[in-house]
Amino acid sequence: MPTAPTSRPLSPVVRFAMVVPLTLGAAYAALLLTLASSHTELLFAWTMSPVSATLIGAGYAGSCAMLWLCAARAREWTHARVTVLSSSLFMLLMLAAILLDRGTLHLKGGEIVAVLAAFGWFGVHLVAPLVGAVGLGVQWFLTKGAEPDRPEPMPWWVALPTFCSGAFLGVLGVLLFAAPGWAARHWPWTVSRLDVRVLAGFVLAFGVAMLMTVRERELRRVRHGMAALIVTGVLGLVGLVRYGSEVHWSSLGAWGVVAVLLLFVGMGLAGLGLAVVLPQSIPSASPPATAVAQVTPAPSSGAGNPA
């Protein structure tokens, strides 16, 4: 009798060639941009406002939390794919942003640490998509034909806000990434086109992760991403308070940034809470068709039978 497919484990190639290096890279960026927000011209790959630095650092801190939880806790591919795929998307967006605005990087001169950081940043983002393609290819080969039954759809009052939030963030991220010059002219603090595109990359990646959450149908599979939303939102709000004097609070854009960060925190907290409260509803596999029993006539004594 054929058995229902079961989830395959997370490939060691994905875990150790993608998730672990991305975790370390995100931790480095988060610490540097959070602790040295005012010294990016000396220590980082490009110069940016302290407000931009602390917000981008918050995004990397959230990504680090998500990737670390994935590396430490995820054993099956189904519990890691949203984290891995959204992180892969962000790496592609970062590569595109760097190639489009590479003139912003400290590639042509500056402090020695900043120049080394710029070349390192550029090199890492050139190599990472290639490694990711290999890792995802291996995972796809191992997982092919082994997709387990998906849970029942989430209640509409969970799925609808998640879908709408993901769609809003996705559209916002695409618009900011495609038109960074216009956004930079109206931004509530001084930013470069590269700053806008990196922030847009985080927004777009988080939006796509929310849309994938609806497809996964199971909040327990995406708790890593919920933690990332909370960490990013909280640290981003703290950064705005920390450098509030550099923000034009009379601008509508400033309150738009606050609203997006509050959305991150709210969706993350709600997701983690509902993951505990909602039952894990897995549709039971359809019972195999049973063979029709052959009825064997009982031995007859001959009474009532025609001769």
C-alpha atoms as a PDB file:
ATOM      1  CA  MET A   1       0.000   0.000   0.000  1.00  0.00           C
ATOM      2  CA  PRO A   2       1.549   3.400  -0.994  1.00  0.00           C
ATOM      3  CA  THR A   3       2.298   5.768   1.867  1.00  0.00           C
ATOM      4  CA  ALA A   4       1.704   9.512   1.947  1.00  0.00           C
ATOM      5  CA  PRO A   5       4.808  11.660   1.283  1.00  0.00           C
ATOM      6  CA  THR A   6       6.617  12.968   4.316  1.00  0.00           C
ATOM      7  CA  SER A   7       8.697  16.103   4.603  1.00  0.00           C
ATOM      8  CA  ARG A   8      12.373  15.720   3.802  1.00  0.00           C
ATOM      9  CA  PRO A   9      15.036  17.086   6.152  1.00  0.00           C
ATOM     10  CA  LEU A  10      16.743  20.412   5.574  1.00  0.00           C
ATOM     11  CA  SER A  11      19.758  19.696   3.395  1.00  0.00           C
ATOM     12  CA  PRO A  12      23.166  20.096   5.100  1.00  0.00           C
ATOM     13  CA  VAL A  13      24.228  22.078   2.018  1.00  0.00           C
ATOM     14  CA  VAL A  14      21.476  24.619   2.646  1.00  0.00           C
ATOM     15  CA  ARG A  15      22.116  24.675   6.394  1.00  0.00           C
ATOM     16  CA  PHE A  16      25.901  25.061   6.331  1.00  0.00           C
ATOM     17  CA  ALA A  17      26.513  26.764   2.986  1.00  0.00           C
ATOM     18  CA  MET A  18      23.589  29.193   3.130  1.00  0.00           C
ATOM     19  CA  VAL A  19      21.884  29.586   6.500  1.00  0.00           C
ATOM     20  CA  VAL A  20      24.959  29.613   8.747  1.00  0.00           C
ATOM     21  CA  PRO A  21      27.057  32.052   6.610  1.00  0.00           C
ATOM     22  CA  LEU A  22      24.048  34.331   6.148  1.00  0.00           C
ATOM     23  CA  THR A  23      23.501  34.305   9.910  1.00  0.00           C
ATOM     24  CA  LEU A  24      27.094  35.372  10.560  1.00  0.00           C
ATOM     25  CA  GLY A  25      26.971  38.038   7.857  1.00  0.00           C
ATOM     26  CA  ALA A  26      23.704  39.457   9.170  1.00  0.00           C
ATOM     27  CA  ALA A  27      25.098  39.503  12.717  1.00  0.00           C
ATOM     28  CA  TYR A  28      28.176  41.434  11.556  1.00  0.00           C
ATOM     29  CA  ALA A  29      26.107  44.013   9.684  1.00  0.00           C
ATOM     30  CA  ALA A  30      23.608  44.370  12.531  1.00  0.00           C
ATOM     31  CA  LEU A  31      26.261  44.937  15.190  1.00  0.00           C
ATOM     32  CA  LEU A  32      28.320  47.351  13.100  1.00  0.00           C
ATOM     33  CA  LEU A  33      25.396  49.446  11.888  1.00  0.00           C
ATOM     34  CA  THR A  34      23.749  49.533  15.329  1.00  0.00           C
ATOM     35  CA  LEU A  35      26.828  50.253  17.438  1.00  0.00           C
ATOM     36  CA  ALA A  36      28.631  52.508  14.934  1.00  0.00           C
ATOM     37  CA  SER A  37      25.704  54.162  13.173  1.00  0.00           C
ATOM     38  CA  SER A  38      27.499  57.506  13.078  1.00  0.00           C
ATOM     39  CA  HIS A  39      30.782  56.168  11.641  1.00  0.00           C
ATOM     40  CA  THR A  40      29.813  54.414   8.420  1.00  0.00           C
ATOM     41  CA  GLU A  41      32.207  56.618   6.432  1.00  0.00           C
ATOM     42  CA  LEU A  42      35.069  54.990   8.373  1.00  0.00           C
ATOM     43  CA  LEU A  43      33.896  51.425   8.939  1.00  0.00           C
ATOM     44  CA  PHE A  44      31.200  50.385   6.478  1.00  0.00           C
ATOM     45  CA  ALA A  45      30.911  49.725   2.753  1.00  0.00           C
ATOM     46  CA  TRP A  46      29.209  53.059   2.073  1.00  0.00           C
ATOM     47  CA  THR A  47      28.434  56.251   3.944  1.00  0.00           C
ATOM     48  CA  MET A  48      24.899  56.757   5.172  1.00  0.00           C
ATOM     49  CA  SER A  49      22.897  58.765   7.673  1.00  0.00           C
ATOM     50  CA  PRO A  50      22.847  57.389  11.225  1.00  0.00           C
ATOM     51  CA  VAL A  51      19.086  56.985  10.882  1.00  0.00           C
ATOM     52  CA  SER A  52      19.461  54.880   7.747  1.00  0.00           C
ATOM     53  CA  ALA A  53      22.283  52.914   9.364  1.00  0.00           C
ATOM     54  CA  THR A  54      20.282  52.027  12.450  1.00  0.00           C
ATOM     55  CA  LEU A  55      17.221  51.041  10.388  1.00  0.00           C
ATOM     56  CA  ILE A  56      19.261  48.856   8.044  1.00  0.00           C
ATOM     57  CA  GLY A  57      20.987  47.425  11.114  1.00  0.00           C
ATOM     58  CA  ALA A  58      17.562  46.620  12.560  1.00  0.00           C
ATOM     59  CA  GLY A  59      16.695  44.763   9.372  1.00  0.00           C
ATOM     60  CA  TYR A  60      19.871  42.720   9.568  1.00  0.00           C
ATOM     61  CA  ALA A  61      19.269  42.036  13.275  1.00  0.00           C
ATOM     62  CA  GLY A  62      15.827  40.654  12.444  1.00  0.00           C
ATOM     63  CA  SER A  63      17.297  38.570   9.632  1.00  0.00           C
ATOM     64  CA  CYS A  64      19.993  37.276  11.987  1.00  0.00           C
ATOM     65  CA  ALA A  65      17.382  36.196  14.547  1.00  0.00           C
ATOM     66  CA  MET A  66      15.331  34.476  11.849  1.00  0.00           C
ATOM     67  CA  LEU A  67      18.296  32.665  10.317  1.00  0.00           C
ATOM     68  CA  TRP A  68      19.742  31.650  13.694  1.00  0.00           C
ATOM     69  CA  LEU A  69      16.423  30.170  14.801  1.00  0.00           C
ATOM     70  CA  CYS A  70      16.156  28.384  11.471  1.00  0.00           C
ATOM     71  CA  ALA A  71      19.671  26.929  11.743  1.00  0.00           C
ATOM     72  CA  ALA A  72      19.185  25.903  15.375  1.00  0.00           C
ATOM     73  CA  ARG A  73      15.621  24.577  15.302  1.00  0.00           C
ATOM     74  CA  ALA A  74      14.515  23.688  11.774  1.00  0.00           C
ATOM     75  CA  ARG A  75      14.982  20.031  10.950  1.00  0.00           C
ATOM     76  CA  GLU A  76      12.580  19.723   8.035  1.00  0.00           C
ATOM     77  CA  TRP A  77      12.559  21.700   4.798  1.00  0.00           C
ATOM     78  CA  THR A  78       8.914  22.693   5.302  1.00  0.00           C
ATOM     79  CA  HIS A  79       9.903  24.555   8.478  1.00  0.00           C
ATOM     80  CA  ALA A  80      12.820  26.339   6.790  1.00  0.00           C
ATOM     81  CA  ARG A  81      11.745  27.156   3.251  1.00  0.00           C
ATOM     82  CA  VAL A  82      10.073  30.502   3.955  1.00  0.00           C
ATOM     83  CA  THR A  83      13.188  31.671   5.818  1.00  0.00           C
ATOM     84  CA  VAL A  84      15.578  30.345   3.167  1.00  0.00           C
ATOM     85  CA  LEU A  85      13.599  31.547   0.151  1.00  0.00           C
ATOM     86  CA  SER A  86      12.902  35.040   1.527  1.00  0.00           C
ATOM     87  CA  SER A  87      16.577  35.399   2.519  1.00  0.00           C
ATOM     88  CA  SER A  88      17.610  34.295  -0.975  1.00  0.00           C
ATOM     89  CA  LEU A  89      15.294  36.902  -2.467  1.00  0.00           C
ATOM     90  CA  PHE A  90      16.849  39.593  -0.287  1.00  0.00           C
ATOM     91  CA  MET A  91      20.352  38.585  -1.364  1.00  0.00           C
ATOM     92  CA  LEU A  92      19.322  38.931  -5.027  1.00  0.00           C
ATOM     93  CA  LEU A  93      17.801  42.346  -4.300  1.00  0.00           C
ATOM     94  CA  MET A  94      20.982  43.416  -2.500  1.00  0.00           C
ATOM     95  CA  LEU A  95      23.097  42.315  -5.462  1.00  0.00           C
ATOM     96  CA  ALA A  96      20.863  44.270  -7.840  1.00  0.00           C
ATOM     97  CA  ALA A  97      21.016  47.346  -5.577  1.00  0.00           C
ATOM     98  CA  ILE A  98      24.817  47.178  -5.394  1.00  0.00           C
ATOM     99  CA  LEU A  99      25.203  46.786  -9.145  1.00  0.00           C
ATOM    100  CA  LEU A 100      22.797  49.638  -9.870  1.00  0.00           C
ATOM    101  CA  ASP A 101      24.312  52.021  -7.299  1.00  0.00           C
ATOM    102  CA  ARG A 102      27.870  50.707  -7.023  1.00  0.00           C
ATOM    103  CA  GLY A 103      29.175  54.278  -7.238  1.00  0.00           C
ATOM    104  CA  THR A 104      27.952  54.803  -3.683  1.00  0.00           C
ATOM    105  CA  LEU A 105      30.325  52.154  -2.312  1.00  0.00           C
ATOM    106  CA  HIS A 106      33.805  53.059  -1.082  1.00  0.00           C
ATOM    107  CA  LEU A 107      35.392  51.254  -4.027  1.00  0.00           C
ATOM    108  CA  LYS A 108      37.443  54.166  -5.375  1.00  0.00           C
ATOM    109  CA  GLY A 109      38.952  55.443  -2.164  1.00  0.00           C
ATOM    110  CA  GLY A 110      38.448  56.453   1.432  1.00  0.00           C
ATOM    111  CA  GLU A 111      39.473  55.082   4.786  1.00  0.00           C
ATOM    112  CA  ILE A 112      41.237  51.748   4.444  1.00  0.00           C
ATOM    113  CA  VAL A 113      38.699  49.888   6.594  1.00  0.00           C
ATOM    114  CA  ALA A 114      35.820  51.333   4.579  1.00  0.00           C
ATOM    115  CA  VAL A 115      37.482  50.416   1.258  1.00  0.00           C
ATOM    116  CA  LEU A 116      38.093  46.841   2.430  1.00  0.00           C
ATOM    117  CA  ALA A 117      34.521  46.651   3.670  1.00  0.00           C
ATOM    118  CA  ALA A 118      33.238  47.858   0.281  1.00  0.00           C
ATOM    119  CA  PHE A 119      35.213  45.265  -1.693  1.00  0.00           C
ATOM    120  CA  GLY A 120      34.240  42.560   0.791  1.00  0.00           C
ATOM    121  CA  TRP A 121      30.582  43.570   0.618  1.00  0.00           C
ATOM    122  CA  PHE A 122      30.656  43.569  -3.173  1.00  0.00           C
ATOM    123  CA  GLY A 123      32.413  40.201  -3.360  1.00  0.00           C
ATOM    124  CA  VAL A 124      30.149  38.477  -0.856  1.00  0.00           C
ATOM    125  CA  HIS A 125      27.020  39.575  -2.674  1.00  0.00           C
ATOM    126  CA  LEU A 126      28.425  38.376  -5.989  1.00  0.00           C
ATOM    127  CA  VAL A 127      29.188  34.900  -4.622  1.00  0.00           C
ATOM    128  CA  ALA A 128      26.176  34.405  -2.332  1.00  0.00           C
ATOM    129  CA  PRO A 129      23.550  33.995  -5.103  1.00  0.00           C
ATOM    130  CA  LEU A 130      25.689  31.328  -6.789  1.00  0.00           C
ATOM    131  CA  VAL A 131      26.048  29.385  -3.547  1.00  0.00           C
ATOM    132  CA  GLY A 132      22.341  29.819  -2.910  1.00  0.00           C
ATOM    133  CA  ALA A 133      21.460  28.466  -6.346  1.00  0.00           C
ATOM    134  CA  VAL A 134      23.534  25.344  -5.700  1.00  0.00           C
ATOM    135  CA  GLY A 135      22.047  24.855  -2.232  1.00  0.00           C
ATOM    136  CA  LEU A 136      18.468  25.297  -3.413  1.00  0.00           C
ATOM    137  CA  GLY A 137      19.132  22.967  -6.330  1.00  0.00           C
ATOM    138  CA  VAL A 138      20.337  20.243  -3.971  1.00  0.00           C
ATOM    139  CA  GLN A 139      17.343  20.799  -1.696  1.00  0.00           C
ATOM    140  CA  TRP A 140      14.922  20.639  -4.620  1.00  0.00           C
ATOM    141  CA  PHE A 141      16.474  17.369  -5.812  1.00  0.00           C
ATOM    142  CA  LEU A 142      16.197  15.833  -2.336  1.00  0.00           C
ATOM    143  CA  THR A 143      12.664  17.106  -1.739  1.00  0.00           C
ATOM    144  CA  LYS A 144      11.182  16.380  -5.173  1.00  0.00           C
ATOM    145  CA  GLY A 145       8.092  14.232  -4.839  1.00  0.00           C
ATOM    146  CA  ALA A 146       8.152  14.315  -1.030  1.00  0.00           C
ATOM    147  CA  GLU A 147       5.741  17.161  -0.260  1.00  0.00           C
ATOM    148  CA  PRO A 148       3.624  16.203   2.766  1.00  0.00           C
ATOM    149  CA  ASP A 149      -0.049  17.024   3.103  1.00  0.00           C
ATOM    150  CA  ARG A 150      -0.580  20.711   3.797  1.00  0.00           C
ATOM    151  CA  PRO A 151      -2.635  21.757   6.802  1.00  0.00           C
ATOM    152  CA  GLU A 152      -6.163  23.031   6.369  1.00  0.00           C
ATOM    153  CA  PRO A 153      -6.307  26.706   5.295  1.00  0.00           C
ATOM    154  CA  MET A 154      -5.873  29.200   8.115  1.00  0.00           C
ATOM    155  CA  PRO A 155      -9.035  30.927   9.360  1.00  0.00           C
ATOM    156  CA  TRP A 156      -9.963  33.817   7.084  1.00  0.00           C
ATOM    157  CA  TRP A 157      -9.501  36.313   9.905  1.00  0.00           C
ATOM    158  CA  VAL A 158      -5.844  35.217  10.086  1.00  0.00           C
ATOM    159  CA  ALA A 159      -5.175  34.679   6.382  1.00  0.00           C
ATOM    160  CA  LEU A 160      -6.786  37.914   5.162  1.00  0.00           C
ATOM    161  CA  PRO A 161      -4.753  40.382   7.308  1.00  0.00           C
ATOM    162  CA  THR A 162      -1.584  38.401   6.592  1.00  0.00           C
ATOM    163  CA  PHE A 163      -2.221  38.452   2.844  1.00  0.00           C
ATOM    164  CA  CYS A 164      -3.162  42.139   2.804  1.00  0.00           C
ATOM    165  CA  SER A 165      -0.097  43.101   4.860  1.00  0.00           C
ATOM    166  CA  GLY A 166       2.167  41.028   2.630  1.00  0.00           C
ATOM    167  CA  ALA A 167       0.664  42.495  -0.542  1.00  0.00           C
ATOM    168  CA  PHE A 168       0.998  46.045   0.810  1.00  0.00           C
ATOM    169  CA  LEU A 169       4.638  45.533   1.802  1.00  0.00           C
ATOM    170  CA  GLY A 170       5.386  43.813  -1.505  1.00  0.00           C
ATOM    171  CA  VAL A 171       3.957  46.639  -3.592  1.00  0.00           C
ATOM    172  CA  LEU A 172       5.651  49.259  -1.412  1.00  0.00           C
ATOM    173  CA  GLY A 173       8.986  47.467  -1.703  1.00  0.00           C
ATOM    174  CA  VAL A 174       8.733  47.188  -5.490  1.00  0.00           C
ATOM    175  CA  LEU A 175       7.868  50.890  -5.873  1.00  0.00           C
ATOM    176  CA  LEU A 176      10.713  52.047  -3.621  1.00  0.00           C
ATOM    177  CA  PHE A 177      13.210  49.721  -5.292  1.00  0.00           C
ATOM    178  CA  ALA A 178      12.168  50.802  -8.787  1.00  0.00           C
ATOM    179  CA  ALA A 179      12.086  54.561  -8.080  1.00  0.00           C
ATOM    180  CA  PRO A 180      14.685  55.264  -5.371  1.00  0.00           C
ATOM    181  CA  GLY A 181      15.530  58.702  -6.736  1.00  0.00           C
ATOM    182  CA  TRP A 182      12.000  60.014  -6.334  1.00  0.00           C
ATOM    183  CA  ALA A 183      11.737  58.424  -2.880  1.00  0.00           C
ATOM    184  CA  ALA A 184      15.091  59.901  -1.788  1.00  0.00           C
ATOM    185  CA  ARG A 185      13.932  63.421  -2.664  1.00  0.00           C
ATOM    186  CA  HIS A 186      10.889  63.042  -0.417  1.00  0.00           C
ATOM    187  CA  TRP A 187      12.489  60.969   2.365  1.00  0.00           C
ATOM    188  CA  PRO A 188      12.195  62.380   5.928  1.00  0.00           C
ATOM    189  CA  TRP A 189      15.985  62.306   6.394  1.00  0.00           C
ATOM    190  CA  THR A 190      19.040  62.340   4.135  1.00  0.00           C
ATOM    191  CA  VAL A 191      19.338  59.122   2.140  1.00  0.00           C
ATOM    192  CA  SER A 192      21.073  57.846  -0.976  1.00  0.00           C
ATOM    193  CA  ARG A 193      19.491  55.769  -3.713  1.00  0.00           C
ATOM    194  CA  LEU A 194      21.318  52.736  -2.324  1.00  0.00           C
ATOM    195  CA  ASP A 195      19.898  53.346   1.165  1.00  0.00           C
ATOM    196  CA  VAL A 196      16.388  53.419  -0.273  1.00  0.00           C
ATOM    197  CA  ARG A 197      16.922  50.245  -2.289  1.00  0.00           C
ATOM    198  CA  VAL A 198      18.316  48.327   0.700  1.00  0.00           C
ATOM    199  CA  LEU A 199      15.393  49.389   2.889  1.00  0.00           C
ATOM    200  CA  ALA A 200      13.045  48.481   0.041  1.00  0.00           C
ATOM    201  CA  GLY A 201      14.710  45.061  -0.162  1.00  0.00           C
ATOM    202  CA  PHE A 202      13.873  44.356   3.466  1.00  0.00           C
ATOM    203  CA  VAL A 203      10.284  45.541   3.003  1.00  0.00           C
ATOM    204  CA  LEU A 204       9.818  43.450  -0.141  1.00  0.00           C
ATOM    205  CA  ALA A 205      11.393  40.319   1.386  1.00  0.00           C
ATOM    206  CA  PHE A 206       9.210  40.566   4.497  1.00  0.00           C
ATOM    207  CA  GLY A 207       6.141  41.106   2.311  1.00  0.00           C
ATOM    208  CA  VAL A 208       6.882  38.031   0.207  1.00  0.00           C
ATOM    209  CA  ALA A 209       7.456  36.021   3.400  1.00  0.00           C
ATOM    210  CA  MET A 210       3.986  37.017   4.626  1.00  0.00           C
ATOM    211  CA  LEU A 211       2.425  35.927   1.331  1.00  0.00           C
ATOM    212  CA  MET A 212       4.278  32.624   1.574  1.00  0.00           C
ATOM    213  CA  THR A 213       2.911  32.246   5.109  1.00  0.00           C
ATOM    214  CA  VAL A 214      -0.615  32.208   3.709  1.00  0.00           C
ATOM    215  CA  ARG A 215       0.434  29.515   1.242  1.00  0.00           C
ATOM    216  CA  GLU A 216       2.102  27.440   3.954  1.00  0.00           C
ATOM    217  CA  ARG A 217      -1.183  27.515   5.946  1.00  0.00           C
ATOM    218  CA  GLU A 218       0.662  26.811   9.190  1.00  0.00           C
ATOM    219  CA  LEU A 219       1.971  29.566  11.470  1.00  0.00           C
ATOM    220  CA  ARG A 220       4.227  27.139  13.319  1.00  0.00           C
ATOM    221  CA  ARG A 221       6.279  26.767  10.156  1.00  0.00           C
ATOM    222  CA  VAL A 222       7.095  30.495   9.995  1.00  0.00           C
ATOM    223  CA  ARG A 223       7.769  31.419  13.622  1.00  0.00           C
ATOM    224  CA  HIS A 224      11.324  32.346  12.643  1.00  0.00           C
ATOM    225  CA  GLY A 225       9.947  35.066  10.388  1.00  0.00           C
ATOM    226  CA  MET A 226       7.612  36.329  13.120  1.00  0.00           C
ATOM    227  CA  ALA A 227      10.631  36.793  15.381  1.00  0.00           C
ATOM    228  CA  ALA A 228      12.386  38.709  12.597  1.00  0.00           C
ATOM    229  CA  LEU A 229       9.452  41.094  12.254  1.00  0.00           C
ATOM    230  CA  ILE A 230       9.426  41.831  15.981  1.00  0.00           C
ATOM    231  CA  VAL A 231      13.184  42.372  16.242  1.00  0.00           C
ATOM    232  CA  THR A 232      13.283  44.586  13.155  1.00  0.00           C
ATOM    233  CA  GLY A 233      10.280  46.638  14.218  1.00  0.00           C
ATOM    234  CA  VAL A 234      11.389  47.187  17.805  1.00  0.00           C
ATOM    235  CA  LEU A 235      15.000  48.047  16.950  1.00  0.00           C
ATOM    236  CA  GLY A 236      13.847  50.285  14.106  1.00  0.00           C
ATOM    237  CA  LEU A 237      11.573  52.260  16.439  1.00  0.00           C
ATOM    238  CA  VAL A 238      14.387  52.541  18.978  1.00  0.00           C
ATOM    239  CA  GLY A 239      16.663  53.858  16.219  1.00  0.00           C
ATOM    240  CA  LEU A 240      14.138  56.514  15.231  1.00  0.00           C
ATOM    241  CA  VAL A 241      13.928  57.662  18.846  1.00  0.00           C
ATOM    242  CA  ARG A 242      17.715  57.556  19.179  1.00  0.00           C
ATOM    243  CA  TYR A 243      18.269  59.792  16.138  1.00  0.00           C
ATOM    244  CA  GLY A 244      14.957  61.607  16.259  1.00  0.00           C
ATOM    245  CA  SER A 245      16.641  65.000  15.896  1.00  0.00           C
ATOM    246  CA  GLU A 246      17.672  64.078  12.327  1.00  0.00           C
ATOM    247  CA  VAL A 247      14.165  63.110  11.236  1.00  0.00           C
ATOM    248  CA  HIS A 248      11.784  65.651   9.706  1.00  0.00           C
ATOM    249  CA  TRP A 249       8.752  64.721  11.776  1.00  0.00           C
ATOM    250  CA  SER A 250       6.571  67.198   9.900  1.00  0.00           C
ATOM    251  CA  SER A 251       6.941  64.924   6.851  1.00  0.00           C
ATOM    252  CA  LEU A 252       4.245  62.358   6.140  1.00  0.00           C
ATOM    253  CA  GLY A 253       6.989  59.913   5.187  1.00  0.00           C
ATOM    254  CA  ALA A 254       8.352  59.876   8.739  1.00  0.00           C
ATOM    255  CA  TRP A 255       5.047  58.639  10.084  1.00  0.00           C
ATOM    256  CA  GLY A 256       4.819  56.204   7.202  1.00  0.00           C
ATOM    257  CA  VAL A 257       8.100  54.645   8.349  1.00  0.00           C
ATOM    258  CA  VAL A 258       6.750  54.467  11.909  1.00  0.00           C
ATOM    259  CA  ALA A 259       3.560  52.813  10.625  1.00  0.00           C
ATOM    260  CA  VAL A 260       5.531  50.149   8.723  1.00  0.00           C
ATOM    261  CA  LEU A 261       7.661  49.373  11.798  1.00  0.00           C
ATOM    262  CA  LEU A 262       4.535  49.139  13.965  1.00  0.00           C
ATOM    263  CA  LEU A 263       3.035  46.809  11.359  1.00  0.00           C
ATOM    264  CA  PHE A 264       6.116  44.595  11.677  1.00  0.00           C
ATOM    265  CA  VAL A 265       5.789  44.437  15.460  1.00  0.00           C
ATOM    266  CA  GLY A 266       2.035  43.884  15.401  1.00  0.00           C
ATOM    267  CA  MET A 267       2.091  41.135  12.785  1.00  0.00           C
ATOM    268  CA  GLY A 268       5.005  39.414  14.487  1.00  0.00           C
ATOM    269  CA  LEU A 269       3.393  39.400  17.921  1.00  0.00           C
ATOM    270  CA  ALA A 270       0.029  38.344  16.533  1.00  0.00           C
ATOM    271  CA  GLY A 271       1.618  35.547  14.527  1.00  0.00           C
ATOM    272  CA  LEU A 272       3.555  34.134  17.467  1.00  0.00           C
ATOM    273  CA  GLY A 273       0.496  34.318  19.705  1.00  0.00           C
ATOM    274  CA  LEU A 274      -1.795  32.657  17.177  1.00  0.00           C
ATOM    275  CA  ALA A 275       0.789  29.950  16.469  1.00  0.00           C
ATOM    276  CA  VAL A 276       0.337  28.870  20.094  1.00  0.00           C
ATOM    277  CA  VAL A 277      -3.432  29.274  20.242  1.00  0.00           C
ATOM    278  CA  LEU A 278      -4.552  27.834  16.916  1.00  0.00           C
ATOM    279  CA  PRO A 279      -4.714  24.049  16.712  1.00  0.00           C
ATOM    280  CA  GLN A 280      -2.455  22.335  14.246  1.00  0.00           C
ATOM    281  CA  SER A 281      -4.977  21.043  11.778  1.00  0.00           C
ATOM    282  CA  ILE A 282      -3.525  18.499   9.371  1.00  0.00           C
ATOM    283  CA  PRO A 283      -5.932  16.873   6.984  1.00  0.00           C
ATOM    284  CA  SER A 284      -5.927  13.163   7.459  1.00  0.00           C
ATOM    285  CA  ALA A 285      -4.884  11.139   4.478  1.00  0.00           C
ATOM    286  CA  SER A 286      -7.724   9.561   2.592  1.00  0.00           C
ATOM    287  CA  PRO A 287      -8.068   5.952   3.618  1.00  0.00           C
ATOM    288  CA  PRO A 288      -6.961   3.563   0.918  1.00  0.00           C
ATOM    289  CA  ALA A 289      -9.691   1.954  -1.024  1.00  0.00           C
ATOM    290  CA  THR A 290     -10.420  -1.442   0.429  1.00  0.00           C
ATOM    291  CA  ALA A 291     -10.892  -4.378  -1.745  1.00  0.00           C
ATOM    292  CA  VAL A 292     -14.443  -5.555  -2.079  1.00  0.00           C
ATOM    293  CA  ALA A 293     -14.839  -8.594   0.051  1.00  0.00           C
ATOM    294  CA  GLN A 294     -15.719 -11.705  -1.803  1.00  0.00           C
ATOM    295  CA  VAL A 295     -18.717 -13.317  -0.167  1.00  0.00           C
ATOM    296  CA  THR A 296     -18.333 -17.008  -0.061  1.00  0.00           C
ATOM    297  CA  PRO A 297     -21.654 -18.761   0.058  1.00  0.00           C
ATOM    298  CA  ALA A 298     -22.171 -20.743   3.195  1.00  0.00           C
ATOM    299  CA  PRO A 299     -22.305 -24.467   2.842  1.00  0.00           C
ATOM    300  CA  SER A 300     -25.834 -25.523   2.048  1.00  0.00           C
ATOM    301  CA  SER A 301     -27.598 -28.487   3.449  1.00  0.00           C
ATOM    302  CA  GLY A 302     -29.466 -28.781   0.240  1.00  0.00           C
ATOM    303  CA  ALA A 303     -32.814 -27.837   1.769  1.00  0.00           C
ATOM    304  CA  GLY A 304     -34.863 -25.629  -0.438  1.00  0.00           C
ATOM    305  CA  ASN A 305     -32.506 -26.091  -3.403  1.00  0.00           C
ATOM    306  CA  PRO A 306     -33.875 -27.459  -6.610  1.00  0.00           C
ATOM    307  CA  ALA A 307     -32.797 -30.909  -7.323  1.00  0.00           C
END
